[in-house]
Protein backbone atom coordinates (compact mmCIF):
# COMPACT_ATOMS: atom_id res chain seq x y z
CA UNK A 1 17.19 11.50 20.57
CA UNK A 2 15.67 12.88 17.37
CA UNK A 3 14.95 10.22 14.77
CA UNK A 4 14.14 11.06 11.16
CA UNK A 5 11.38 8.92 9.63
CA UNK A 6 11.42 8.86 5.84
CA UNK A 7 7.83 8.38 4.65
CA UNK A 8 6.92 7.07 1.20
CA UNK A 9 4.11 4.54 0.73
CA UNK A 10 3.08 4.63 4.39
CA UNK A 11 1.06 7.82 4.86
CA UNK A 12 -0.58 6.89 8.16
CA UNK A 13 -0.05 7.06 11.91
CA UNK A 14 -1.82 3.83 12.92
CA UNK A 15 0.22 0.63 12.61
CA UNK A 16 3.22 2.40 11.14
CA UNK A 17 6.23 0.45 12.50
CA UNK A 18 8.89 3.00 11.53
CA UNK A 19 6.99 5.81 13.28
CA UNK A 20 6.30 3.62 16.30
CA UNK A 21 9.96 2.65 16.63
CA UNK A 22 11.15 6.23 16.29
CA UNK A 23 8.58 7.59 18.78
CA UNK A 24 9.59 4.97 21.35
CA UNK A 25 13.10 6.43 21.36
CA UNK A 26 12.34 10.13 21.52
CA UNK A 27 11.46 12.99 19.21
CA UNK A 28 10.35 12.17 15.66
CA UNK A 29 10.94 14.19 12.49
CA UNK A 30 8.85 12.76 9.65
CA UNK A 31 9.82 13.78 6.12
CA UNK A 32 8.22 13.16 2.73
CA UNK A 33 10.21 13.84 -0.45
CA UNK A 34 8.51 14.83 -3.69
CA UNK A 35 8.16 11.75 -5.96
CA UNK A 36 9.12 12.46 -9.57
CA UNK A 37 7.33 9.63 -11.34
CA UNK A 38 3.65 9.56 -10.36
CA UNK A 39 0.75 10.00 -12.77
CA UNK A 40 -1.68 12.90 -12.76
CA UNK A 41 -4.45 11.16 -10.79
CA UNK A 42 -1.97 9.91 -8.20
CA UNK A 43 -0.57 13.41 -7.70
CA UNK A 44 -4.12 14.62 -7.05
CA UNK A 45 -4.54 11.93 -4.39
CA UNK A 46 -1.11 12.60 -2.91
CA UNK A 47 -1.94 16.27 -2.35
CA UNK A 48 -4.93 15.51 -0.15
CA UNK A 49 -3.29 12.55 1.55
CA UNK A 50 -0.32 14.69 2.60
CA UNK A 51 -2.64 17.50 3.63
CA UNK A 52 -4.54 15.16 5.95
CA UNK A 53 -1.33 13.55 7.24
CA UNK A 54 0.20 16.92 8.09
CA UNK A 55 -2.93 17.81 10.08
CA UNK A 56 -2.81 14.49 11.93
CA UNK A 57 0.82 15.10 12.86
CA UNK A 58 0.04 18.68 13.89
CA UNK A 59 -2.63 17.42 16.28
CA UNK A 60 0.17 15.41 17.93
CA UNK A 61 2.48 18.44 18.04
CA UNK A 62 4.69 17.09 15.26
CA UNK A 63 5.73 18.90 12.05
CA UNK A 64 5.71 16.93 8.79
CA UNK A 65 8.55 18.17 6.60
CA UNK A 66 8.11 18.26 2.83
CA UNK A 67 11.26 18.36 0.72
CA UNK A 68 12.17 18.35 -2.97
CA UNK A 69 15.30 16.80 -4.47
CA UNK A 70 17.35 13.66 -4.66
CA UNK A 71 16.20 11.55 -1.69
CA UNK A 72 19.69 10.53 -0.55
CA UNK A 73 20.98 14.10 -0.70
CA UNK A 74 17.91 15.51 1.05
CA UNK A 75 18.05 12.94 3.84
CA UNK A 76 21.76 13.33 4.48
CA UNK A 77 21.38 17.12 4.60
CA UNK A 78 18.51 16.77 7.05
CA UNK A 79 20.63 14.53 9.27
CA UNK A 80 23.23 17.31 9.40
CA UNK A 81 20.63 20.03 10.05
CA UNK A 82 19.17 18.12 12.98
CA UNK A 83 22.48 16.66 14.10
CA UNK A 84 20.74 13.32 14.40
CA UNK A 85 22.28 9.88 14.53
CA UNK A 86 19.19 7.88 13.57
CA UNK A 87 17.09 7.56 10.39
CA UNK A 88 14.44 4.90 9.83
CA UNK A 89 11.92 4.04 7.15
CA UNK A 90 9.41 1.46 5.95
CA UNK A 91 10.52 -0.57 2.97
CA UNK A 92 9.21 -0.02 -0.56
CA UNK A 93 9.33 -3.13 -2.71
CA UNK A 94 9.77 -1.65 -6.18
CA UNK A 95 13.19 -1.92 -7.88
CA UNK A 96 13.76 1.81 -7.36
CA UNK A 97 12.55 1.63 -3.77
CA UNK A 98 14.88 -1.25 -2.99
CA UNK A 99 17.82 0.51 -4.65
CA UNK A 100 17.23 3.72 -2.70
CA UNK A 101 16.94 1.85 0.59
CA UNK A 102 20.16 -0.04 -0.04
CA UNK A 103 22.11 3.04 -1.13
CA UNK A 104 20.81 5.06 1.81
CA UNK A 105 21.75 2.39 4.33
CA UNK A 106 25.27 2.23 2.90
CA UNK A 107 25.70 6.00 3.02
CA UNK A 108 24.33 6.29 6.55
CA UNK A 109 26.56 3.49 7.81
CA UNK A 110 29.59 5.23 6.32
CA UNK A 111 28.68 8.31 8.41
CA UNK A 112 28.07 6.31 11.57
CA UNK A 113 24.34 7.05 11.51
CA UNK A 114 21.98 4.31 12.64
CA UNK A 115 19.56 3.05 9.98
CA UNK A 116 16.67 0.63 10.39
CA UNK A 117 13.95 -0.38 7.95
CA UNK A 118 10.61 -2.09 8.55
CA UNK A 119 7.89 -3.93 6.68
CA UNK A 120 4.72 -1.84 6.75
CA UNK A 121 3.36 -2.76 3.35
CA UNK A 122 3.12 -6.56 3.18
CA UNK A 123 1.93 -9.47 5.28
CA UNK A 124 5.09 -11.45 4.60
CA UNK A 125 8.56 -10.61 3.30
CA UNK A 126 9.00 -11.66 -0.36
CA UNK A 127 12.43 -13.12 0.32
CA UNK A 128 10.93 -15.50 2.90
CA UNK A 129 8.67 -17.26 0.39
CA UNK A 130 10.47 -19.83 -1.78
CA UNK A 131 9.56 -23.23 -3.20
CA UNK A 132 11.17 -26.54 -2.23
CA UNK A 133 14.03 -25.89 -4.65
CA UNK A 134 14.75 -22.55 -2.98
CA UNK A 135 13.52 -20.61 -6.01
CA UNK A 136 10.72 -18.03 -6.31
CA UNK A 137 7.21 -19.22 -7.06
CA UNK A 138 5.93 -18.44 -10.55
CA UNK A 139 2.31 -19.45 -10.02
CA UNK A 140 -0.04 -17.72 -7.59
CA UNK A 141 -1.87 -20.70 -6.07
CA UNK A 142 1.20 -22.51 -4.62
CA UNK A 143 2.64 -19.14 -3.62
CA UNK A 144 -0.45 -18.21 -1.64
CA UNK A 145 -0.81 -21.69 -0.19
CA UNK A 146 2.75 -21.44 1.08
CA UNK A 147 2.04 -17.98 2.51
CA UNK A 148 -1.07 -19.15 4.34
CA UNK A 149 0.87 -22.04 5.89
CA UNK A 150 3.65 -19.80 7.18
CA UNK A 151 1.93 -16.44 7.59
CA UNK A 152 2.40 -14.96 11.04
CA UNK A 153 2.13 -11.17 10.82
CA UNK A 154 3.54 -9.21 13.72
CA UNK A 155 1.05 -7.58 16.03
CA UNK A 156 -0.46 -4.21 15.15
CA UNK A 157 0.97 -1.08 16.76
CA UNK A 158 -1.30 1.86 17.44
CA UNK A 159 -0.79 5.57 16.99
CA UNK A 160 2.48 6.43 18.76
CA UNK A 161 2.85 8.77 21.71
CA UNK A 162 4.80 11.63 20.16
CA UNK A 163 7.05 14.22 21.72
CA UNK A 164 6.29 17.72 20.48
CA UNK A 165 8.62 18.93 17.72
CA UNK A 166 11.39 21.10 19.17
CA UNK A 167 13.29 22.13 16.02
CA UNK A 168 12.39 25.18 13.94
CA UNK A 169 13.04 23.74 10.48
CA UNK A 170 10.28 24.77 8.09
CA UNK A 171 8.54 22.55 5.57
CA UNK A 172 8.13 23.40 1.92
CA UNK A 173 4.49 24.45 1.39
CA UNK A 174 2.42 21.69 -0.15
CA UNK A 175 0.87 24.20 -2.55
CA UNK A 176 4.30 24.85 -4.09
CA UNK A 177 4.39 21.30 -5.42
CA UNK A 178 1.57 21.96 -7.89
CA UNK A 179 -0.01 18.54 -7.47
CA UNK A 180 -3.56 19.63 -8.32
CA UNK A 181 -4.71 20.06 -11.94
CA UNK A 182 -5.60 23.60 -12.93
CA UNK A 183 -5.82 24.17 -16.68
CA UNK A 184 -8.14 22.41 -16.97
CA UNK A 185 -9.18 21.06 -13.58
CA UNK A 186 -10.36 17.55 -14.46
CA UNK A 187 -10.56 16.35 -10.86
CA UNK A 188 -14.20 17.06 -9.91
CA UNK A 189 -15.23 13.43 -10.45
CA UNK A 190 -12.34 12.23 -8.29
CA UNK A 191 -13.34 14.56 -5.48
CA UNK A 192 -16.94 13.33 -5.62
CA UNK A 193 -15.92 9.69 -5.27
CA UNK A 194 -12.91 9.66 -2.96
CA UNK A 195 -11.74 10.87 0.43
CA UNK A 196 -7.95 10.53 0.46
CA UNK A 197 -6.14 10.14 3.75
CA UNK A 198 -5.99 7.81 6.71
CA UNK A 199 -9.43 8.75 8.07
CA UNK A 200 -10.99 8.14 4.66
CA UNK A 201 -9.30 4.75 4.51
CA UNK A 202 -10.59 3.73 7.93
CA UNK A 203 -14.15 4.84 7.13
CA UNK A 204 -14.14 2.91 3.85
CA UNK A 205 -12.70 -0.17 5.54
CA UNK A 206 -15.27 -0.13 8.33
CA UNK A 207 -18.10 0.18 5.82
CA UNK A 208 -16.75 -2.76 3.85
CA UNK A 209 -16.06 -5.11 6.76
CA UNK A 210 -19.37 -4.32 8.46
CA UNK A 211 -21.57 -4.46 5.38
CA UNK A 212 -20.24 -4.94 1.85
CA UNK A 213 -18.00 -7.96 2.41
CA UNK A 214 -21.08 -10.15 2.89
CA UNK A 215 -21.72 -9.72 -0.86
CA UNK A 216 -18.11 -9.91 -1.96
CA UNK A 217 -17.64 -13.38 -3.43
CA UNK A 218 -20.64 -13.31 -5.76
CA UNK A 219 -21.01 -9.56 -6.16
CA UNK A 220 -17.44 -8.48 -6.91
CA UNK A 221 -17.90 -9.00 -10.66
CA UNK A 222 -20.97 -6.77 -11.01
CA UNK A 223 -19.71 -3.33 -12.13
CA UNK A 224 -22.90 -1.37 -11.41
CA UNK A 225 -22.68 -2.26 -7.70
CA UNK A 226 -20.05 -1.32 -5.14
CA UNK A 227 -19.34 -4.79 -3.81
CA UNK A 228 -15.57 -4.45 -3.53
CA UNK A 229 -13.57 -2.82 -0.76
CA UNK A 230 -12.50 0.21 -2.86
CA UNK A 231 -9.36 0.25 -0.70
CA UNK A 232 -6.81 -0.01 -3.52
CA UNK A 233 -5.80 3.68 -3.59
CA UNK A 234 -5.64 3.80 0.20
CA UNK A 235 -3.39 0.74 0.15
CA UNK A 236 -1.26 2.16 -2.66
CA UNK A 237 -0.46 5.22 -0.53
CA UNK A 238 -0.18 3.25 2.68
CA UNK A 239 -3.09 4.99 4.39
CA UNK A 240 -4.20 1.70 5.90
CA UNK A 241 -2.18 -1.27 7.06
CA UNK A 242 -2.51 -4.66 5.31
CA UNK A 243 -2.06 -6.25 8.74
CA UNK A 244 -5.11 -4.44 10.09
CA UNK A 245 -7.14 -5.71 7.15
CA UNK A 246 -5.85 -9.23 7.70
CA UNK A 247 -6.49 -9.33 11.45
CA UNK A 248 -9.89 -7.61 11.23
CA UNK A 249 -11.07 -10.05 8.56
CA UNK A 250 -9.79 -13.10 10.46
CA UNK A 251 -11.46 -11.91 13.65
CA UNK A 252 -14.74 -11.27 11.84
CA UNK A 253 -14.68 -14.81 10.45
CA UNK A 254 -13.90 -16.32 13.85
CA UNK A 255 -16.76 -14.40 15.45
CA UNK A 256 -18.97 -15.36 12.48
CA UNK A 257 -19.76 -11.75 11.72
CA UNK A 258 -18.85 -12.66 8.15
CA UNK A 259 -18.86 -16.09 6.52
CA UNK A 260 -15.61 -17.77 5.55
CA UNK A 261 -16.45 -17.93 1.83
CA UNK A 262 -16.58 -14.16 1.51
CA UNK A 263 -13.78 -13.55 3.99
CA UNK A 264 -11.33 -15.99 2.43
CA UNK A 265 -12.12 -14.82 -1.08
CA UNK A 266 -11.36 -11.26 -0.07
CA UNK A 267 -8.12 -12.32 1.63
CA UNK A 268 -7.07 -14.20 -1.50
CA UNK A 269 -7.37 -10.93 -3.41
CA UNK A 270 -5.08 -9.39 -0.80
CA UNK A 271 -2.85 -12.33 -1.67
CA UNK A 272 -2.70 -11.17 -5.29
CA UNK A 273 -1.48 -7.80 -4.02
CA UNK A 274 1.28 -9.60 -2.12
CA UNK A 275 2.09 -11.68 -5.19
CA UNK A 276 2.52 -8.68 -7.49
CA UNK A 277 5.14 -7.21 -5.15
CA UNK A 278 6.74 -10.61 -4.74
CA UNK A 279 7.18 -10.85 -8.51
CA UNK A 280 8.68 -7.37 -8.69
CA UNK A 281 11.22 -8.21 -5.99
CA UNK A 282 12.35 -11.45 -7.62
CA UNK A 283 11.92 -10.45 -11.28
CA UNK A 284 12.42 -6.65 -11.44
CA UNK A 285 12.90 -6.69 -15.21
CA UNK A 286 9.18 -7.25 -15.77
CA UNK A 287 8.50 -3.50 -15.46
CA UNK A 288 9.82 -3.08 -18.99
CA UNK A 289 10.13 -6.61 -20.40
CA UNK A 290 7.74 -9.57 -20.71
CA UNK A 291 8.33 -12.35 -18.22
CA UNK A 292 7.74 -14.84 -21.02
CA UNK A 293 10.64 -14.09 -23.38
CA UNK A 294 8.67 -15.37 -26.38
CA UNK A 295 6.62 -12.21 -26.28
CA UNK A 296 9.70 -10.08 -26.95
CA UNK A 297 9.10 -10.93 -30.63
CA UNK A 298 5.34 -10.48 -30.61
CA UNK A 299 4.12 -8.59 -33.71
CA UNK A 300 2.46 -5.66 -31.96
CA UNK A 301 0.84 -3.06 -34.18
CA UNK A 302 1.37 0.68 -33.88
CA UNK A 303 -2.05 2.23 -34.46
CA UNK A 304 -2.40 5.59 -32.65
CA UNK A 305 -6.03 6.00 -33.73
CA UNK A 306 -7.07 2.75 -32.04
CA UNK A 307 -5.15 3.68 -28.89
CA UNK A 308 -6.84 7.09 -28.81
CA UNK A 309 -10.30 5.58 -29.33
CA UNK A 310 -9.64 3.23 -26.41
CA UNK A 311 -8.34 6.02 -24.16
CA UNK A 312 -11.38 8.20 -24.90
CA UNK A 313 -13.98 5.45 -24.53
CA UNK A 314 -14.94 5.61 -28.20
CA UNK A 315 -14.29 2.04 -29.36
CA UNK A 316 -17.91 1.26 -30.23
CA UNK A 317 -17.94 -1.57 -27.67
CA UNK A 318 -20.15 -0.22 -24.85
CA UNK A 319 -18.68 -2.12 -21.90
CA UNK A 320 -15.14 -1.12 -22.85
CA UNK A 321 -16.21 2.49 -23.41
CA UNK A 322 -18.08 2.61 -20.10
CA UNK A 323 -14.99 1.44 -18.24
CA UNK A 324 -12.67 3.90 -19.92
CA UNK A 325 -15.04 6.78 -19.23
CA UNK A 326 -15.43 5.74 -15.59
CA UNK A 327 -11.64 5.74 -15.37
CA UNK A 328 -11.31 9.25 -16.77
CA UNK A 329 -14.10 10.64 -14.63
CA UNK A 330 -13.25 9.00 -11.30
CA UNK A 331 -9.67 7.75 -11.49
CA UNK A 332 -10.95 4.22 -11.05
CA UNK A 333 -12.39 1.33 -13.04
CA UNK A 334 -14.20 -1.77 -11.79
CA UNK A 335 -11.84 -4.75 -11.81
CA UNK A 336 -13.95 -6.96 -14.09
CA UNK A 337 -14.17 -4.15 -16.61
CA UNK A 338 -10.42 -3.48 -16.26
CA UNK A 339 -9.75 -6.99 -17.52
CA UNK A 340 -12.13 -6.59 -20.44
CA UNK A 341 -10.78 -3.15 -21.38
CA UNK A 342 -7.16 -4.31 -21.11
CA UNK A 343 -7.85 -7.42 -23.17
CA UNK A 344 -9.55 -5.31 -25.82
CA UNK A 345 -6.56 -3.01 -26.22
CA UNK A 346 -4.06 -5.86 -26.33
CA UNK A 347 -5.93 -8.48 -28.33
CA UNK A 348 -8.51 -6.61 -30.38
CA UNK A 349 -6.31 -3.62 -31.18
CA UNK A 350 -3.00 -5.55 -31.08
CA UNK A 351 -1.51 -2.69 -29.06
CA UNK A 352 1.49 -3.29 -26.79
CA UNK A 353 0.50 -3.88 -23.19
CA UNK A 354 2.90 -1.14 -22.05
CA UNK A 355 0.75 1.47 -23.78
CA UNK A 356 -2.18 0.46 -21.62
CA UNK A 357 -0.01 0.20 -18.54
CA UNK A 358 1.24 3.77 -19.09
CA UNK A 359 -2.31 5.11 -19.52
CA UNK A 360 -3.48 3.42 -16.35
CA UNK A 361 -0.43 4.76 -14.52
CA UNK A 362 -1.44 8.31 -15.39
CA UNK A 363 -5.19 8.03 -14.84
CA UNK A 364 -5.71 5.63 -11.90
CA UNK A 365 -5.80 6.95 -8.35
CA UNK A 366 -4.71 3.46 -7.27
CA UNK A 367 -1.81 3.33 -9.75
CA UNK A 368 0.70 0.93 -8.27
CA UNK A 369 3.82 -0.17 -10.12
CA UNK A 370 3.59 -3.78 -8.94
CA UNK A 371 -0.14 -4.31 -9.50
CA UNK A 372 -0.08 -2.38 -12.77
CA UNK A 373 2.81 -4.38 -14.21
CA UNK A 374 1.61 -7.80 -13.07
CA UNK A 375 -1.99 -7.19 -14.15
CA UNK A 376 -1.16 -5.99 -17.67
CA UNK A 377 1.26 -8.86 -18.22
CA UNK A 378 -1.37 -11.27 -16.88
CA UNK A 379 -3.94 -10.08 -19.41
CA UNK A 380 -1.36 -10.04 -22.21
CA UNK A 381 -0.44 -13.64 -21.47
CA UNK A 382 3.26 -12.82 -21.12
CA UNK A 383 3.56 -12.72 -17.32
CA UNK A 384 3.90 -15.36 -14.64
CA UNK A 385 0.77 -17.36 -13.97
CA UNK A 386 -0.77 -15.40 -16.82
CA UNK A 387 -4.09 -15.75 -18.52
CA UNK A 388 -3.32 -17.67 -21.72
CA UNK A 389 -2.92 -15.35 -24.68
CA UNK A 390 -5.61 -17.26 -26.54
CA UNK A 391 -8.09 -16.32 -23.80
CA UNK A 392 -9.70 -13.31 -25.41
CA UNK A 393 -12.47 -11.57 -23.51
CA UNK A 394 -15.54 -11.05 -25.64
CA UNK A 395 -16.68 -7.54 -24.64
CA UNK A 396 -20.23 -8.26 -25.84
CA UNK A 397 -20.71 -11.44 -23.82
CA UNK A 398 -18.94 -9.96 -20.80
CA UNK A 399 -21.40 -7.08 -20.80
CA UNK A 400 -24.40 -9.38 -21.20
CA UNK A 401 -23.19 -11.56 -18.34
CA UNK A 402 -22.05 -9.01 -15.78
CA UNK A 403 -24.17 -5.97 -16.68
CA UNK A 404 -27.41 -7.77 -17.48
CA UNK A 405 -29.68 -4.75 -17.27
CA UNK A 406 -27.15 -2.42 -18.84
CA UNK A 407 -27.12 -0.13 -15.80
CA UNK A 408 -23.34 0.32 -15.78
CA UNK A 409 -23.24 1.06 -19.51
CA UNK A 410 -26.19 3.46 -19.29
CA UNK A 411 -24.46 5.40 -16.53
CA UNK A 412 -21.17 5.91 -18.34
CA UNK A 413 -22.35 5.83 -21.97
CA UNK A 414 -25.50 7.94 -21.64
CA UNK A 415 -25.99 8.19 -25.40
CA UNK A 416 -27.12 4.53 -25.24
CA UNK A 417 -29.32 4.95 -22.15
CA UNK A 418 -32.61 4.63 -24.06
CA UNK A 419 -31.55 1.68 -26.16
CA UNK A 420 -33.27 -1.67 -25.58
CA UNK A 421 -31.12 -3.78 -23.26
CA UNK A 422 -30.91 -6.59 -25.83
CA UNK A 423 -28.93 -4.24 -28.06
CA UNK A 424 -27.02 -2.23 -25.49
CA UNK A 425 -23.85 -4.33 -25.79
CA UNK A 426 -24.07 -4.46 -29.59
CA UNK A 427 -25.90 -1.36 -30.84
CA UNK A 428 -24.79 -2.02 -34.42
CA UNK A 429 -27.20 -4.99 -34.48
CA UNK A 430 -30.20 -2.85 -33.53
CA UNK A 431 -32.76 -2.17 -36.23
CA UNK A 432 -33.06 1.42 -37.53
CA UNK A 433 -36.33 2.06 -35.69
CA UNK A 434 -34.89 0.96 -32.33
CA UNK A 435 -31.87 3.20 -32.88
CA UNK A 436 -34.05 6.14 -33.87
CA UNK A 437 -36.35 5.75 -30.86
CA UNK A 438 -33.31 5.60 -28.58
CA UNK A 439 -31.71 8.65 -30.21
CA UNK A 440 -28.65 6.64 -31.24
CA UNK A 441 -26.94 7.68 -34.48
CA UNK A 442 -24.07 5.30 -35.14
CA UNK A 443 -21.10 7.10 -36.56
CA UNK A 444 -22.46 10.38 -35.18
CA UNK A 445 -23.22 10.42 -31.45
CA UNK A 446 -21.83 6.92 -30.85
CA UNK A 447 -19.13 5.22 -32.94
CA UNK A 448 -19.31 2.10 -35.01
CA UNK A 449 -16.98 -0.62 -33.63
CA UNK A 450 -13.37 0.31 -34.37
CA UNK A 451 -12.61 -3.35 -35.08
CA UNK A 452 -14.72 -6.41 -35.83
CA UNK A 453 -14.65 -8.79 -32.87
CA UNK A 454 -14.40 -12.00 -34.88
CA UNK A 455 -11.71 -10.70 -37.25
CA UNK A 456 -9.73 -9.14 -34.41
CA UNK A 457 -9.83 -12.38 -32.45
CA UNK A 458 -8.50 -14.36 -35.42
CA UNK A 459 -5.73 -11.82 -35.99
CA UNK A 460 -4.67 -12.04 -32.35
CA UNK A 461 -4.64 -15.84 -32.40
CA UNK A 462 -2.60 -15.88 -35.60
CA UNK A 463 -0.09 -13.52 -33.99
CA UNK A 464 0.12 -15.78 -30.96
CA UNK A 465 0.75 -18.82 -33.17
CA UNK A 466 3.60 -16.95 -34.85
CA UNK A 467 5.60 -16.88 -31.58
CA UNK A 468 4.29 -20.08 -30.00
CA UNK A 469 7.10 -22.26 -31.27
CA UNK A 470 9.87 -19.73 -30.87
């Protein structure tokens, strides 16, 4: 039997349940269909991830088919070409992913073709986690507590034993998809930092679990250091299994290779990843609408110049600018700085959270519809379990606390590199001699603040009060 495996957010061979199921029954024909809605940085990653995946399949004697078009049409046509009676896939938990899976299953059933879907992306099915009233959780802590009490992930499956591809159907060439930037090619910083693909994911995971995780709990907030797993893009493309991460971490804690404080803190962050998908399954409208309906009437301001200054890392607030420049150069931003930068756009610039969400979607290599939506609504104060709107990150104090020696700012805002560290988060307070010695010319080679922190904070709080009683 030849079974088609529709790949999406599961670009790996190891612990891929759909592939394992298909290979246990006979020949496998994996297919990936061009996604229409990714951002530029994600397309760059996808190119290399698919390139590596195709090579991994080829080493097993299997051809990875690339196709362009409407997924349902492409898959039904492929079933006819191969005269197959079986098509399987791993579930995608976005509203569009759920809709496609449901529509495909209905169409296949009408044609008498077997269809089976699997969970390869989460530790627990979102529909299995409900509160005592049978309703979805709206706060992370009880959600995760419930998950921990009932979590029993299925065992990991290895790389399948494949039968060599017998059909002669050709794949579309990956180069024809035009995923890589050309005019201009802005991807050099991405290539320096990342190794897309399953092998890259495994190498990064082994480095983290064997070394970095011992510094995770206390070090994860320090942006100049790499104390986080850096697995988010690999997870977004499904190059590594969440179950492998879970079991490896649990085993390392049991064997005392890592302490429980660091291990459990890391697993709780994996819990937030689960929670973001959980929210999207139960409340799909949050992609475009605030979970808290009061924020539908929030008096956002439309100020393109402030948005552009934020996007370009030219706000005059060094920590924010450092983060935005890191993002543009590498397709990534440290999580602590993400919160500060997002808060600045929303609450200092009074710009709608969707503007920031859209920019992150285009520039992050780990752009993920669930994490992106939940995180921006959390910062904006309009999501479930959100940070209160009146919690406004002070970008000056955040820099002084988490980048004490200014190393992160000096790296990404080199025009401030010679400035005394006591002024590096607030160069406008430096005396003229200090600025001159450091080569800083405010308004020339580094901007004055685009907004005043105190005034912006008061404006944001007043706007919040205007909807509080609605």
